[in-house]
């Protein structure tokens, strides 16, 4: 009893050291527990992957060749470490023939995918920037490369589509997410998804710019600017996003004025106006080799829809502008969100905090198939965000491309 009393007096006398020691012990125990749970997860995942690696394949069939596009500097240079620690062992144990190509600069993933040959699947190991570049490189190709599947290993600091396909978090949840992404690739679960084509509108006499492609969103305005500055307030830890609204909600450097005009066409299931008929491919030696008869499919180029070619026009002025792909009553389309025009400082901070809690402001959505965005005199430093990547604000034509990219995904998350 005397010993317990003595310990209590010592702790009370040296309370600062006692609190520091308790914190160190707590975080040490939490770290050990996290490592133990991760080891259990990886052991179970490796056992599952080995089952696929031990399966027999035909003698004339080589192991499946997959190419990993790895951004080694993604997520503050943690992407390469996490890939080698959690992802690569599972892919190799499953019997896949893995070729890793590391990106060397911004835009390099686009160039790699455009020139890639001889692979059966592409795996993007990085964040939204690496994925956006890879999608653009893939859809710029003139061959049938977009027919083979694309895998996502969400290893970046922002992973919009990766988180939608494989919900995750930090610590153990992050490892679970990576394991799910790897097992989707190993098991071969795929689903076609829509993409967005963004074509810069050229003036007369200018050479047309090549299009870029996106998967998740196009954002412009104050809320986007605030979100991009959150990492400057890292000192506030998990509250840095809230702090970003507090310290930036009154600044003129935020894009409070998004103004311009829109020309958009309505949704259409496919008709002679919006479906391009594929040219008939003539085979050599058709006189000697009879063609295989196939059942005729419905030809949408013969369908007439007068409303499809009608362009609606709209002028807007707002502090928030956003476009994202949506499936609207079974039809692939684009949702145009035009937010509130003006906010007071208090209203803006309150609305931002509400959004951080998952309570978004209800905004009417305009549904469209194609959009021409014509901004009105944006400031020189104003940027528009396409899949979390910054671009100069300029006139563009935006088109939905239905079911154009095949992704590996979990069976229950097919969308």
Protein backbone atom coordinates (compact mmCIF):
# COMPACT_ATOMS: atom_id res chain seq x y z
CA UNK A 1 0.00 0.00 0.00
CA UNK A 2 2.85 2.35 0.93
CA UNK A 3 4.45 1.65 -2.45
CA UNK A 4 1.27 2.60 -4.29
CA UNK A 5 0.99 5.82 -2.28
CA UNK A 6 4.63 6.62 -3.03
CA UNK A 7 4.06 6.12 -6.79
CA UNK A 8 0.98 8.35 -6.64
CA UNK A 9 2.94 11.15 -4.92
CA UNK A 10 5.74 10.86 -7.50
CA UNK A 11 3.28 11.12 -10.40
CA UNK A 12 1.57 14.11 -8.79
CA UNK A 13 4.88 15.85 -8.13
CA UNK A 14 6.14 15.26 -11.70
CA UNK A 15 2.80 15.61 -13.47
CA UNK A 16 4.24 17.04 -16.72
CA UNK A 17 6.60 14.11 -17.17
CA UNK A 18 3.80 11.73 -16.22
CA UNK A 19 1.46 13.11 -18.88
CA UNK A 20 4.22 13.01 -21.51
CA UNK A 21 5.06 9.42 -20.57
CA UNK A 22 1.40 8.39 -20.73
CA UNK A 23 1.05 9.91 -24.20
CA UNK A 24 4.18 8.12 -25.42
CA UNK A 25 2.96 4.80 -24.02
CA UNK A 26 -0.47 5.28 -25.59
CA UNK A 27 0.86 6.06 -29.07
CA UNK A 28 3.42 3.28 -28.81
CA UNK A 29 0.72 0.76 -27.94
CA UNK A 30 -1.55 2.07 -30.73
CA UNK A 31 1.29 1.77 -33.27
CA UNK A 32 2.08 -1.80 -32.22
CA UNK A 33 -1.61 -2.73 -32.41
CA UNK A 34 -1.89 -1.19 -35.91
CA UNK A 35 1.19 -3.07 -37.17
CA UNK A 36 -0.15 -6.33 -35.74
CA UNK A 37 -3.52 -5.89 -37.47
CA UNK A 38 -1.81 -4.98 -40.77
CA UNK A 39 0.36 -8.11 -40.56
CA UNK A 40 -2.74 -10.26 -40.06
CA UNK A 41 -4.44 -8.61 -43.04
CA UNK A 42 -1.44 -9.07 -45.32
CA UNK A 43 -0.97 -12.69 -44.26
CA UNK A 44 -4.59 -13.50 -45.10
CA UNK A 45 -4.39 -11.59 -48.40
CA UNK A 46 -1.17 -13.38 -49.40
CA UNK A 47 -2.78 -16.76 -48.74
CA UNK A 48 -5.71 -15.78 -50.96
CA UNK A 49 -3.42 -14.50 -53.73
CA UNK A 50 -1.36 -17.71 -53.71
CA UNK A 51 -4.48 -19.69 -54.64
CA UNK A 52 -4.59 -17.85 -57.96
CA UNK A 53 -0.85 -18.21 -58.44
CA UNK A 54 -1.01 -21.97 -57.93
CA UNK A 55 -3.85 -22.40 -60.45
CA UNK A 56 -2.88 -24.21 -63.67
CA UNK A 57 -2.84 -22.34 -66.98
CA UNK A 58 -2.68 -23.82 -70.50
CA UNK A 59 0.82 -24.63 -71.76
CA UNK A 60 0.49 -22.25 -74.70
CA UNK A 61 -0.61 -19.40 -72.40
CA UNK A 62 1.97 -17.15 -70.75
CA UNK A 63 1.29 -15.51 -67.36
CA UNK A 64 -0.83 -12.37 -67.66
CA UNK A 65 1.39 -9.34 -68.30
CA UNK A 66 0.33 -6.17 -66.48
CA UNK A 67 2.08 -2.81 -66.61
CA UNK A 68 2.16 -0.69 -63.45
CA UNK A 69 2.45 3.08 -63.97
CA UNK A 70 3.96 4.14 -60.62
CA UNK A 71 4.28 7.75 -59.51
CA UNK A 72 7.11 7.49 -56.93
CA UNK A 73 6.62 11.02 -55.57
CA UNK A 74 2.86 10.74 -54.99
CA UNK A 75 1.56 11.28 -51.46
CA UNK A 76 4.81 12.94 -50.29
CA UNK A 77 6.94 10.08 -51.74
CA UNK A 78 5.07 7.38 -49.82
CA UNK A 79 3.47 5.83 -52.91
CA UNK A 80 6.49 3.75 -53.95
CA UNK A 81 7.03 2.45 -50.42
CA UNK A 82 3.38 1.47 -49.98
CA UNK A 83 3.24 -0.16 -53.42
CA UNK A 84 6.29 -2.33 -52.73
CA UNK A 85 5.09 -3.18 -49.23
CA UNK A 86 1.39 -3.92 -49.74
CA UNK A 87 0.60 -4.27 -53.46
CA UNK A 88 3.52 -5.81 -55.33
CA UNK A 89 3.69 -8.99 -53.15
CA UNK A 90 0.02 -9.77 -53.85
CA UNK A 91 0.32 -9.26 -57.61
CA UNK A 92 3.42 -11.47 -57.82
CA UNK A 93 2.01 -14.20 -55.59
CA UNK A 94 -1.07 -14.33 -57.84
CA UNK A 95 1.17 -15.30 -60.77
CA UNK A 96 0.93 -12.02 -62.69
CA UNK A 97 3.89 -10.91 -64.78
CA UNK A 98 4.41 -7.37 -63.52
CA UNK A 99 6.35 -4.64 -65.31
CA UNK A 100 6.77 -1.41 -63.33
CA UNK A 101 7.36 1.90 -65.11
CA UNK A 102 8.02 4.89 -62.86
CA UNK A 103 6.98 8.36 -64.01
CA UNK A 104 9.77 10.94 -64.12
CA UNK A 105 7.93 14.22 -64.51
CA UNK A 106 4.51 15.82 -64.82
CA UNK A 107 2.78 14.56 -67.97
CA UNK A 108 5.05 11.51 -68.25
CA UNK A 109 2.23 9.04 -67.47
CA UNK A 110 0.34 10.37 -70.50
CA UNK A 111 3.32 9.75 -72.76
CA UNK A 112 3.94 6.27 -71.35
CA UNK A 113 0.37 5.11 -71.91
CA UNK A 114 0.20 6.60 -75.41
CA UNK A 115 3.25 4.58 -76.51
CA UNK A 116 2.67 1.42 -74.44
CA UNK A 117 2.62 -1.89 -76.33
CA UNK A 118 2.35 -5.56 -75.51
CA UNK A 119 0.52 -5.37 -72.17
CA UNK A 120 -2.80 -6.96 -71.16
CA UNK A 121 -3.75 -4.46 -68.45
CA UNK A 122 -2.58 -1.13 -67.04
CA UNK A 123 -2.43 -0.49 -63.31
CA UNK A 124 -2.22 3.12 -62.09
CA UNK A 125 -0.29 3.35 -58.80
CA UNK A 126 -0.70 6.97 -57.74
CA UNK A 127 -3.34 9.64 -57.21
CA UNK A 128 -5.84 11.59 -59.26
CA UNK A 129 -3.14 13.36 -61.26
CA UNK A 130 -1.50 10.13 -62.43
CA UNK A 131 -4.91 8.62 -63.20
CA UNK A 132 -6.04 11.67 -65.20
CA UNK A 133 -2.86 11.66 -67.28
CA UNK A 134 -3.16 7.92 -67.92
CA UNK A 135 -6.81 8.18 -68.99
CA UNK A 136 -5.91 10.99 -71.38
CA UNK A 137 -3.06 8.97 -72.86
CA UNK A 138 -5.27 5.90 -73.20
CA UNK A 139 -8.17 7.63 -74.95
CA UNK A 140 -5.93 9.59 -77.29
CA UNK A 141 -4.77 6.35 -78.88
CA UNK A 142 -6.26 5.33 -82.21
CA UNK A 143 -6.12 1.59 -81.56
CA UNK A 144 -8.32 -0.64 -79.38
CA UNK A 145 -6.11 -0.18 -76.29
CA UNK A 146 -9.01 1.14 -74.24
CA UNK A 147 -10.56 -2.30 -74.47
CA UNK A 148 -8.18 -3.81 -71.96
CA UNK A 149 -8.87 -3.11 -68.29
CA UNK A 150 -7.43 -0.42 -66.08
CA UNK A 151 -6.62 -0.98 -62.42
CA UNK A 152 -6.36 1.70 -59.72
CA UNK A 153 -4.10 1.45 -56.69
CA UNK A 154 -5.09 4.57 -54.66
CA UNK A 155 -1.65 5.65 -53.46
CA UNK A 156 -1.89 9.43 -53.94
CA UNK A 157 -2.87 12.23 -51.60
CA UNK A 158 -6.19 12.58 -53.49
CA UNK A 159 -7.92 9.48 -54.88
CA UNK A 160 -11.45 10.45 -55.92
CA UNK A 161 -12.27 7.52 -58.20
CA UNK A 162 -10.11 5.10 -56.21
CA UNK A 163 -12.03 5.91 -53.03
CA UNK A 164 -15.33 5.52 -54.88
CA UNK A 165 -14.38 2.04 -56.12
CA UNK A 166 -12.61 0.95 -52.93
CA UNK A 167 -13.67 2.90 -49.81
CA UNK A 168 -10.76 3.40 -47.43
CA UNK A 169 -9.23 5.60 -44.78
CA UNK A 170 -5.98 5.82 -42.82
CA UNK A 171 -3.82 3.21 -41.16
CA UNK A 172 -5.41 -0.24 -41.21
CA UNK A 173 -8.29 0.98 -43.39
CA UNK A 174 -5.79 2.20 -45.99
CA UNK A 175 -4.15 -1.23 -46.17
CA UNK A 176 -7.59 -2.84 -46.50
CA UNK A 177 -8.31 -0.50 -49.41
CA UNK A 178 -5.07 -1.45 -51.19
CA UNK A 179 -5.72 -5.15 -50.63
CA UNK A 180 -9.23 -4.81 -52.10
CA UNK A 181 -7.85 -2.96 -55.13
CA UNK A 182 -5.22 -5.66 -55.71
CA UNK A 183 -7.68 -8.53 -55.27
CA UNK A 184 -10.08 -6.92 -57.78
CA UNK A 185 -7.23 -6.99 -60.32
CA UNK A 186 -6.29 -10.57 -59.44
CA UNK A 187 -9.89 -11.82 -59.54
CA UNK A 188 -10.58 -9.97 -62.80
CA UNK A 189 -13.76 -8.14 -61.75
CA UNK A 190 -14.37 -5.33 -64.26
CA UNK A 191 -16.96 -2.68 -65.11
CA UNK A 192 -17.24 -0.09 -67.89
CA UNK A 193 -17.39 3.54 -66.76
CA UNK A 194 -18.19 6.85 -68.43
CA UNK A 195 -15.53 9.48 -69.12
CA UNK A 196 -15.58 13.21 -69.87
CA UNK A 197 -13.92 14.60 -72.98
CA UNK A 198 -12.70 18.21 -72.73
CA UNK A 199 -11.79 19.91 -76.02
CA UNK A 200 -10.36 23.46 -76.02
CA UNK A 201 -12.24 25.68 -78.48
CA UNK A 202 -9.76 27.26 -80.89
CA UNK A 203 -10.10 30.63 -82.55
CA UNK A 204 -9.99 30.96 -86.31
CA UNK A 205 -6.48 30.38 -87.66
CA UNK A 206 -5.28 28.58 -84.50
CA UNK A 207 -4.24 24.94 -84.56
CA UNK A 208 -6.71 22.83 -82.56
CA UNK A 209 -5.42 21.58 -79.21
CA UNK A 210 -5.59 17.91 -78.31
CA UNK A 211 -8.41 16.95 -75.92
CA UNK A 212 -7.95 15.85 -72.34
CA UNK A 213 -10.14 13.34 -70.52
CA UNK A 214 -11.48 13.13 -66.98
CA UNK A 215 -13.40 10.66 -64.85
CA UNK A 216 -14.83 12.49 -61.83
CA UNK A 217 -15.38 16.26 -61.98
CA UNK A 218 -14.66 19.72 -63.35
CA UNK A 219 -14.68 22.41 -60.62
CA UNK A 220 -14.29 26.18 -60.65
CA UNK A 221 -14.84 28.67 -57.85
CA UNK A 222 -14.39 29.57 -54.20
CA UNK A 223 -14.99 26.17 -52.58
CA UNK A 224 -12.50 24.56 -54.95
CA UNK A 225 -9.89 27.23 -54.11
CA UNK A 226 -10.35 26.76 -50.38
CA UNK A 227 -9.97 22.98 -50.70
CA UNK A 228 -6.70 23.39 -52.63
CA UNK A 229 -5.18 25.47 -49.80
CA UNK A 230 -5.92 23.15 -46.90
CA UNK A 231 -2.42 21.62 -46.74
CA UNK A 232 -0.95 25.03 -45.89
CA UNK A 233 -2.60 24.66 -42.49
CA UNK A 234 -1.07 21.29 -41.63
CA UNK A 235 -0.18 22.60 -38.19
CA UNK A 236 -3.88 22.29 -37.26
CA UNK A 237 -3.83 18.55 -37.99
CA UNK A 238 -7.28 17.09 -38.63
CA UNK A 239 -8.80 20.60 -38.36
CA UNK A 240 -6.75 22.04 -41.26
CA UNK A 241 -9.75 22.03 -43.64
CA UNK A 242 -11.84 23.99 -41.13
CA UNK A 243 -8.94 26.41 -40.62
CA UNK A 244 -8.65 26.93 -44.37
CA UNK A 245 -12.18 28.32 -44.50
CA UNK A 246 -11.58 30.57 -41.48
CA UNK A 247 -8.34 32.12 -42.80
CA UNK A 248 -9.32 32.40 -46.49
CA UNK A 249 -13.05 33.11 -46.50
CA UNK A 250 -12.51 36.87 -46.72
CA UNK A 251 -9.61 37.00 -49.24
CA UNK A 252 -9.91 38.53 -52.70
CA UNK A 253 -7.51 35.90 -54.08
CA UNK A 254 -10.33 33.35 -53.89
CA UNK A 255 -12.41 33.01 -57.09
CA UNK A 256 -15.69 34.61 -56.03
CA UNK A 257 -16.82 35.46 -59.56
CA UNK A 258 -17.31 32.56 -61.98
CA UNK A 259 -19.18 34.09 -64.88
CA UNK A 260 -19.79 33.01 -68.43
CA UNK A 261 -22.28 31.40 -70.75
CA UNK A 262 -23.26 27.82 -71.51
CA UNK A 263 -24.53 26.13 -74.62
CA UNK A 264 -25.75 22.64 -73.82
CA UNK A 265 -27.66 19.87 -75.56
CA UNK A 266 -30.24 17.65 -73.84
CA UNK A 267 -29.78 14.01 -72.93
CA UNK A 268 -30.28 11.48 -75.71
CA UNK A 269 -30.29 7.69 -75.79
CA UNK A 270 -28.62 7.77 -79.22
CA UNK A 271 -29.74 9.00 -82.61
CA UNK A 272 -28.49 10.07 -86.04
CA UNK A 273 -27.25 13.37 -84.59
CA UNK A 274 -25.05 12.14 -81.72
CA UNK A 275 -23.98 8.65 -82.83
CA UNK A 276 -21.28 8.35 -85.46
CA UNK A 277 -21.65 5.31 -87.67
CA UNK A 278 -18.50 3.21 -87.71
CA UNK A 279 -17.03 2.67 -91.17
CA UNK A 280 -17.39 -0.80 -92.54
CA UNK A 281 -14.11 -2.72 -92.48
CA UNK A 282 -13.49 -4.61 -95.72
CA UNK A 283 -11.48 -7.78 -95.33
CA UNK A 284 -9.05 -9.10 -97.88
CA UNK A 285 -9.74 -12.44 -99.57
CA UNK A 286 -13.48 -12.17 -98.90
CA UNK A 287 -14.11 -13.96 -102.20
CA UNK A 288 -12.40 -17.10 -100.90
CA UNK A 289 -13.29 -16.89 -97.19
CA UNK A 290 -17.00 -16.53 -96.41
CA UNK A 291 -17.94 -13.98 -93.74
CA UNK A 292 -19.51 -15.09 -90.48
CA UNK A 293 -23.17 -14.14 -90.30
CA UNK A 294 -24.12 -12.13 -87.22
CA UNK A 295 -27.47 -10.96 -86.01
CA UNK A 296 -28.13 -7.29 -86.88
CA UNK A 297 -27.99 -4.88 -83.97
CA UNK A 298 -30.17 -1.82 -83.54
CA UNK A 299 -28.63 0.98 -85.60
CA UNK A 300 -29.05 4.21 -83.67
CA UNK A 301 -27.78 6.23 -86.64
CA UNK A 302 -31.21 5.63 -88.22
CA UNK A 303 -33.11 7.00 -85.20
CA UNK A 304 -34.44 10.54 -85.54
CA UNK A 305 -34.57 12.78 -82.47
CA UNK A 306 -35.11 16.45 -83.44
CA UNK A 307 -34.64 17.65 -79.83
CA UNK A 308 -31.11 16.24 -79.68
CA UNK A 309 -29.65 18.92 -81.94
CA UNK A 310 -31.26 21.80 -80.01
CA UNK A 311 -28.75 23.92 -78.06
CA UNK A 312 -29.99 25.65 -74.92
CA UNK A 313 -28.18 28.80 -73.82
CA UNK A 314 -27.63 30.08 -70.30
CA UNK A 315 -25.65 32.96 -68.80
CA UNK A 316 -24.43 32.48 -65.24
CA UNK A 317 -22.61 34.30 -62.46
CA UNK A 318 -21.78 32.31 -59.35
CA UNK A 319 -19.13 31.57 -56.75
CA UNK A 320 -19.23 27.83 -57.50
CA UNK A 321 -19.43 25.96 -60.80
CA UNK A 322 -19.14 22.18 -61.13
CA UNK A 323 -19.69 19.50 -63.78
CA UNK A 324 -19.60 15.76 -63.16
CA UNK A 325 -20.73 12.62 -64.99
CA UNK A 326 -24.11 11.25 -63.90
CA UNK A 327 -26.40 8.41 -64.85
CA UNK A 328 -29.77 10.12 -65.17
CA UNK A 329 -32.78 7.81 -65.54
CA UNK A 330 -30.58 5.21 -67.21
CA UNK A 331 -29.00 7.72 -69.62
CA UNK A 332 -25.33 8.76 -69.28
CA UNK A 333 -25.02 12.50 -69.03
CA UNK A 334 -23.40 15.51 -67.41
CA UNK A 335 -24.71 17.27 -64.33
CA UNK A 336 -24.12 21.03 -64.22
CA UNK A 337 -24.17 22.50 -60.69
CA UNK A 338 -24.36 26.30 -60.41
CA UNK A 339 -24.14 27.40 -56.80
CA UNK A 340 -25.09 30.55 -54.93
CA UNK A 341 -23.85 33.85 -56.34
CA UNK A 342 -22.75 35.67 -53.17
CA UNK A 343 -21.87 34.69 -49.61
CA UNK A 344 -21.07 36.77 -46.58
CA UNK A 345 -17.98 35.65 -44.66
CA UNK A 346 -20.10 33.97 -41.98
CA UNK A 347 -22.33 32.23 -44.52
CA UNK A 348 -19.34 30.98 -46.50
CA UNK A 349 -17.51 29.55 -43.48
CA UNK A 350 -20.71 27.95 -42.15
CA UNK A 351 -21.50 26.39 -45.53
CA UNK A 352 -17.92 25.13 -45.88
CA UNK A 353 -18.01 23.49 -42.45
CA UNK A 354 -21.36 21.90 -43.27
CA UNK A 355 -19.86 20.38 -46.42
CA UNK A 356 -16.92 18.99 -44.47
CA UNK A 357 -19.50 17.14 -42.38
CA UNK A 358 -21.09 15.70 -45.53
CA UNK A 359 -24.09 18.05 -45.63
CA UNK A 360 -23.95 19.63 -49.07
CA UNK A 361 -26.15 22.56 -50.04
CA UNK A 362 -29.04 21.54 -52.27
CA UNK A 363 -28.41 22.93 -55.75
CA UNK A 364 -30.51 22.47 -58.87
CA UNK A 365 -28.74 20.37 -61.49
CA UNK A 366 -28.93 20.96 -65.22
CA UNK A 367 -28.72 17.73 -67.22
CA UNK A 368 -26.83 17.76 -70.51
CA UNK A 369 -25.09 15.56 -73.09
CA UNK A 370 -22.63 18.12 -74.47
CA UNK A 371 -21.62 21.51 -73.04
CA UNK A 372 -19.82 24.51 -74.46
CA UNK A 373 -18.39 26.55 -71.59
CA UNK A 374 -17.51 30.15 -72.54
CA UNK A 375 -16.03 32.02 -69.52
CA UNK A 376 -16.26 35.82 -69.33
CA UNK A 377 -12.87 37.53 -68.84
CA UNK A 378 -11.40 35.38 -66.03
CA UNK A 379 -8.48 36.78 -64.00
CA UNK A 380 -5.00 35.75 -65.26
CA UNK A 381 -4.30 33.42 -62.31
CA UNK A 382 -7.74 31.82 -62.25
CA UNK A 383 -7.71 28.04 -62.67
CA UNK A 384 -10.30 25.37 -63.26
CA UNK A 385 -9.79 21.96 -61.67
CA UNK A 386 -10.21 18.82 -63.78
CA UNK A 387 -9.91 15.62 -61.75
CA UNK A 388 -7.97 17.48 -59.03
CA UNK A 389 -5.51 18.92 -61.57
CA UNK A 390 -5.29 22.67 -62.31
CA UNK A 391 -5.79 24.06 -65.83
CA UNK A 392 -6.16 27.53 -67.31
CA UNK A 393 -9.74 28.75 -67.62
CA UNK A 394 -10.57 28.92 -71.33
CA UNK A 395 -13.49 28.11 -73.67
CA UNK A 396 -13.99 24.35 -73.90
CA UNK A 397 -16.43 21.80 -75.25
CA UNK A 398 -17.31 19.04 -72.80
CA UNK A 399 -18.83 15.73 -73.93
CA UNK A 400 -19.87 12.60 -72.06
CA UNK A 401 -18.38 9.36 -73.43
CA UNK A 402 -20.58 6.46 -72.24
CA UNK A 403 -18.96 3.22 -71.11
CA UNK A 404 -15.59 4.02 -72.63
CA UNK A 405 -13.07 2.76 -70.02
CA UNK A 406 -13.03 -0.65 -68.34
CA UNK A 407 -11.96 -0.61 -64.67
CA UNK A 408 -11.21 -3.35 -62.18
CA UNK A 409 -13.63 -3.08 -59.25
CA UNK A 410 -15.27 -5.00 -56.44
CA UNK A 411 -18.31 -7.01 -57.63
CA UNK A 412 -20.67 -5.30 -55.19
CA UNK A 413 -19.48 -1.79 -56.16
CA UNK A 414 -20.25 -2.01 -59.85
CA UNK A 415 -21.71 1.32 -60.97
